[in-house]
Amino acid sequence: MTSTNQSNAICLCPLDGIIDTIGKKWGLLIINEIGNHERLRYNKLMSELKGISPSTLASMLKDFEKESLIKKKRFNEIPPRVEYSLTNRGKELREAIIPLLKW
């Protein structure tokens, strides 16, 4: 028999968007890989995440940027250069998931 203690209940309602984003197959791995570097370019991220499709990576990076977990820095150069890094919120998430990734 399992008893439920209401005082231990946690409401994840405000986190729905983030939970959906990081809950996807590559979510935690992308956050961790960007966190392993100060900043990372798209092609380097693709090479580090073996098996991810370009469209999946692009889509997830957009979602992470929308959730303020990563920031995208564009350089006014030819050819164009873009680098991704974790925001403070993304760094906090990475610190929280490191024990899970190690497990």
Protein backbone atom coordinates (compact mmCIF):
# COMPACT_ATOMS: atom_id res chain seq x y z
CA MET A 1 0.00 0.00 0.00
CA THR A 2 1.32 3.42 -0.92
CA SER A 3 0.44 6.53 1.00
CA THR A 4 0.54 9.99 -0.49
CA ASN A 5 1.84 12.86 1.60
CA GLN A 6 0.48 16.17 0.27
CA SER A 7 3.24 18.15 2.00
CA ASN A 8 5.80 16.47 -0.29
CA ALA A 9 3.83 17.25 -3.47
CA ILE A 10 5.61 19.40 -6.05
CA CYS A 11 3.71 21.34 -8.70
CA LEU A 12 5.52 21.40 -12.03
CA CYS A 13 2.80 23.45 -13.72
CA PRO A 14 4.91 26.58 -14.37
CA LEU A 15 7.64 24.42 -15.90
CA ASP A 16 5.53 22.70 -18.58
CA GLY A 17 7.45 24.22 -21.54
CA ILE A 18 10.87 23.47 -20.11
CA ILE A 19 9.89 19.94 -19.07
CA ASP A 20 8.61 19.25 -22.59
CA THR A 21 11.82 20.61 -24.12
CA ILE A 22 14.38 18.89 -21.90
CA GLY A 23 12.30 15.71 -21.87
CA LYS A 24 12.97 15.12 -25.56
CA LYS A 25 15.51 12.49 -26.55
CA TRP A 26 18.50 14.83 -27.01
CA GLY A 27 17.50 17.60 -24.59
CA LEU A 28 19.70 16.91 -21.59
CA LEU A 29 22.62 15.87 -23.77
CA ILE A 30 22.55 19.15 -25.70
CA ILE A 31 22.44 21.23 -22.52
CA ASN A 32 25.30 19.23 -21.06
CA GLU A 33 27.43 19.40 -24.21
CA ILE A 34 27.06 23.17 -24.52
CA GLY A 35 27.89 23.39 -20.81
CA ASN A 36 31.06 21.37 -21.35
CA HIS A 37 32.34 24.30 -23.43
CA GLU A 38 32.11 28.02 -22.82
CA ARG A 39 30.51 28.42 -26.22
CA LEU A 40 29.99 26.07 -29.11
CA ARG A 41 29.34 26.41 -32.82
CA TYR A 42 26.60 24.42 -34.54
CA ASN A 43 28.91 22.09 -36.51
CA LYS A 44 31.00 21.30 -33.43
CA LEU A 45 27.83 20.51 -31.51
CA MET A 46 26.71 18.23 -34.37
CA SER A 47 30.00 16.36 -34.26
CA GLU A 48 29.88 15.96 -30.46
CA LEU A 49 26.31 14.58 -30.53
CA LYS A 50 26.77 11.59 -32.77
CA GLY A 51 23.50 10.42 -34.27
CA ILE A 52 21.44 13.61 -33.96
CA SER A 53 19.91 14.91 -37.18
CA PRO A 54 20.55 18.51 -38.26
CA SER A 55 16.83 19.30 -38.20
CA THR A 56 16.43 17.91 -34.68
CA LEU A 57 19.40 19.90 -33.40
CA ALA A 58 18.21 23.11 -35.06
CA SER A 59 14.71 22.66 -33.67
CA MET A 60 15.91 21.94 -30.15
CA LEU A 61 18.30 24.90 -30.16
CA LYS A 62 15.36 27.16 -31.10
CA ASP A 63 13.29 25.66 -28.27
CA PHE A 64 16.12 26.14 -25.75
CA GLU A 65 16.58 29.73 -26.86
CA LYS A 66 12.83 30.33 -26.49
CA GLU A 67 12.98 28.90 -22.94
CA SER A 68 15.99 31.16 -22.16
CA LEU A 69 18.27 28.18 -21.52
CA ILE A 70 20.77 29.08 -24.24
CA LYS A 71 21.79 32.23 -26.01
CA LYS A 72 22.72 32.47 -29.65
CA LYS A 73 25.40 34.96 -30.64
CA ARG A 74 25.63 35.95 -34.28
CA PHE A 75 28.84 37.42 -35.63
CA ASN A 76 28.72 39.84 -38.54
CA GLU A 77 31.24 37.93 -40.64
CA ILE A 78 31.45 36.22 -43.97
CA PRO A 79 30.84 33.34 -43.85
CA PRO A 80 28.31 33.85 -41.02
CA ARG A 81 29.31 32.51 -37.63
CA VAL A 82 26.98 31.61 -34.77
CA GLU A 83 27.92 30.40 -31.29
CA TYR A 84 25.70 28.94 -28.59
CA SER A 85 26.25 29.22 -24.85
CA LEU A 86 24.22 28.55 -21.73
CA THR A 87 22.38 31.36 -20.01
CA ASN A 88 22.47 31.52 -16.21
CA ARG A 89 19.21 29.58 -16.24
CA GLY A 90 20.78 26.98 -18.54
CA LYS A 91 23.82 26.70 -16.25
CA GLU A 92 21.54 26.11 -13.26
CA LEU A 93 19.71 23.40 -15.20
CA ARG A 94 22.99 21.74 -16.17
CA GLU A 95 24.16 21.72 -12.54
CA ALA A 96 20.87 20.12 -11.55
CA ILE A 97 21.08 17.38 -14.20
CA ILE A 98 24.74 16.42 -13.77
CA PRO A 99 23.91 13.85 -11.04
CA LEU A 100 21.24 12.38 -13.32
CA LEU A 101 23.66 12.15 -16.25
CA LYS A 102 26.26 10.49 -14.03
CA TRP A 103 23.68 8.01 -12.79
